[in-house]
Amino acid sequence: MKTLNLFKWGCLLMVLLFTGCSKDDDETKIEVATLIGTWEMVSYRNYDKDIATGAIFNESQSTPTETIYVFKQDSYEQYYMGEIVETGSWSLEGKKLFIADLEFEVLKLNISELVLLKSSDRTTYLHCSEITFQRK
């Protein structure tokens, strides 16, 4: 009887040891289908962020004039004031959006809003551009 109880506890311990938990990471999968469509740029915010403290400085914001991106299944078109100014390919890897040779972090994407972040390392601070689009 004692051997049977020891066997049951051993089996229970093995089950608990080899049972994995779901991965709790912050990586949210972005659906390509949500990105495909026509997006109008509605704000463009530049700022610098101190790497050590996280403090934001040199902040400016502007409202772009008639800048539109059209994302298709495997290509994009950029329009400025109704004229096509750029075409190319794009790809999505996790929360990273690659447009031509630029890399953006997708901060927000839903049916009506897209927010992208472009940052570059400047030794002691990051120079950031945050671009907000609305679906057209």
Protein backbone atom coordinates (compact mmCIF):
# COMPACT_ATOMS: atom_id res chain seq x y z
CA MET A 1 0.00 0.00 0.00
CA LYS A 2 2.87 2.32 0.89
CA THR A 3 4.55 1.54 -2.45
CA LEU A 4 1.30 2.34 -4.33
CA ASN A 5 0.98 5.73 -2.60
CA LEU A 6 4.62 6.50 -3.32
CA PHE A 7 4.04 5.57 -6.98
CA LYS A 8 0.96 7.88 -7.17
CA TRP A 9 2.91 10.78 -5.66
CA GLY A 10 5.78 10.11 -8.05
CA CYS A 11 3.42 10.17 -11.05
CA LEU A 12 1.78 13.37 -9.82
CA LEU A 13 5.19 14.99 -9.36
CA MET A 14 6.25 13.98 -12.88
CA VAL A 15 3.05 15.44 -14.35
CA LEU A 16 3.58 18.71 -12.50
CA LEU A 17 7.23 18.95 -13.50
CA PHE A 18 6.63 18.36 -17.20
CA THR A 19 3.50 20.47 -17.57
CA GLY A 20 4.40 23.71 -19.32
CA CYS A 21 2.75 27.02 -18.80
CA SER A 22 1.73 29.20 -21.67
CA LYS A 23 4.32 31.73 -22.71
CA ASP A 24 3.54 35.04 -21.02
CA ASP A 25 5.34 37.49 -23.26
CA ASP A 26 4.32 40.91 -24.46
CA GLU A 27 4.63 39.96 -28.11
CA THR A 28 1.23 40.36 -29.68
CA LYS A 29 0.79 38.88 -33.12
CA ILE A 30 -0.28 41.49 -35.61
CA GLU A 31 -2.71 40.38 -38.27
CA VAL A 32 -1.67 41.25 -41.81
CA ALA A 33 -5.33 41.54 -42.82
CA THR A 34 -5.80 44.40 -40.34
CA LEU A 35 -2.96 46.37 -41.94
CA ILE A 36 -4.09 45.96 -45.55
CA GLY A 37 -6.02 49.00 -46.74
CA THR A 38 -5.74 52.76 -47.07
CA TRP A 39 -4.28 54.79 -44.19
CA GLU A 40 -4.07 58.58 -43.87
CA MET A 41 -1.30 60.10 -41.76
CA VAL A 42 -2.92 62.33 -39.11
CA SER A 43 -0.03 63.23 -36.80
CA TYR A 44 3.73 63.11 -36.69
CA ARG A 45 5.49 63.49 -33.32
CA ASN A 46 9.26 63.79 -32.92
CA TYR A 47 11.03 63.58 -29.58
CA ASP A 48 14.27 62.53 -27.96
CA LYS A 49 14.29 60.12 -25.03
CA ASP A 50 17.12 59.88 -22.52
CA ILE A 51 18.21 56.23 -22.38
CA ALA A 52 19.20 56.34 -18.70
CA THR A 53 16.21 58.21 -17.25
CA GLY A 54 13.47 57.84 -19.86
CA ALA A 55 12.97 61.63 -19.85
CA ILE A 56 11.53 63.08 -23.05
CA PHE A 57 12.91 66.33 -24.49
CA ASN A 58 12.98 68.25 -27.81
CA GLU A 59 9.39 67.27 -28.47
CA SER A 60 7.51 68.59 -31.51
CA GLN A 61 4.32 67.57 -33.24
CA SER A 62 2.94 68.34 -36.68
CA THR A 63 -0.11 67.51 -38.76
CA PRO A 64 0.96 66.09 -42.12
CA THR A 65 -0.69 67.30 -45.31
CA GLU A 66 -2.49 64.66 -47.35
CA THR A 67 -0.04 61.79 -46.86
CA ILE A 68 -1.65 58.43 -47.58
CA TYR A 69 -0.30 54.89 -47.53
CA VAL A 70 -2.05 52.05 -49.34
CA PHE A 71 -0.96 48.63 -48.08
CA LYS A 72 -1.71 45.75 -50.43
CA GLN A 73 -0.97 42.07 -49.81
CA ASP A 74 2.72 42.34 -50.71
CA SER A 75 3.31 45.96 -51.74
CA TYR A 76 2.54 49.52 -50.72
CA GLU A 77 2.01 52.88 -52.38
CA GLN A 78 2.64 56.27 -50.76
CA TYR A 79 0.70 59.31 -51.94
CA TYR A 80 1.36 62.95 -51.16
CA MET A 81 -1.27 65.53 -52.11
CA GLY A 82 -2.90 62.99 -54.42
CA GLU A 83 0.27 62.08 -56.32
CA ILE A 84 2.03 58.74 -55.96
CA VAL A 85 5.53 59.38 -54.60
CA GLU A 86 6.78 55.93 -53.63
CA THR A 87 6.03 52.26 -54.15
CA GLY A 88 7.70 49.18 -52.79
CA SER A 89 7.37 46.09 -50.68
CA TRP A 90 6.65 45.69 -46.98
CA SER A 91 6.80 42.86 -44.47
CA LEU A 92 5.68 42.20 -40.93
CA GLU A 93 7.70 40.24 -38.36
CA GLY A 94 6.17 40.13 -34.89
CA LYS A 95 5.59 43.77 -33.94
CA LYS A 96 8.09 45.06 -36.52
CA LEU A 97 6.88 46.57 -39.79
CA PHE A 98 9.46 46.89 -42.57
CA ILE A 99 8.61 49.40 -45.30
CA ALA A 100 11.26 49.47 -48.02
CA ASP A 101 14.50 49.69 -45.98
CA LEU A 102 12.93 51.28 -42.87
CA GLU A 103 12.00 49.44 -39.66
CA PHE A 104 9.08 50.56 -37.50
CA GLU A 105 7.66 49.20 -34.26
CA VAL A 106 3.89 48.83 -34.36
CA LEU A 107 2.62 50.48 -31.17
CA LYS A 108 -1.06 50.15 -32.04
CA LEU A 109 -3.07 48.55 -34.83
CA ASN A 110 -6.79 48.10 -34.93
CA ILE A 111 -9.53 48.48 -37.52
CA SER A 112 -9.35 52.30 -37.43
CA GLU A 113 -5.92 53.35 -36.10
CA LEU A 114 -2.26 52.56 -36.79
CA VAL A 115 0.59 54.00 -34.68
CA LEU A 116 4.20 53.39 -35.73
CA LEU A 117 7.44 54.22 -33.93
CA LYS A 118 10.76 54.79 -35.65
CA SER A 119 13.72 55.22 -33.31
CA SER A 120 17.43 55.62 -33.79
CA ASP A 121 20.14 55.31 -31.17
CA ARG A 122 22.18 58.46 -30.56
CA THR A 123 24.57 57.16 -27.85
CA THR A 124 22.92 58.67 -24.74
CA TYR A 125 19.41 59.15 -26.12
CA LEU A 126 16.97 57.80 -28.69
CA HIS A 127 15.57 60.00 -31.42
CA CYS A 128 11.97 58.89 -31.93
CA SER A 129 9.32 59.56 -34.55
CA GLU A 130 5.81 58.44 -33.69
CA ILE A 131 3.42 58.43 -36.65
CA THR A 132 -0.34 58.03 -36.31
CA PHE A 133 -2.61 56.97 -39.16
CA GLN A 134 -6.38 56.61 -39.46
CA ARG A 135 -8.04 54.20 -41.84
CA LYS A 136 -9.52 56.05 -44.76
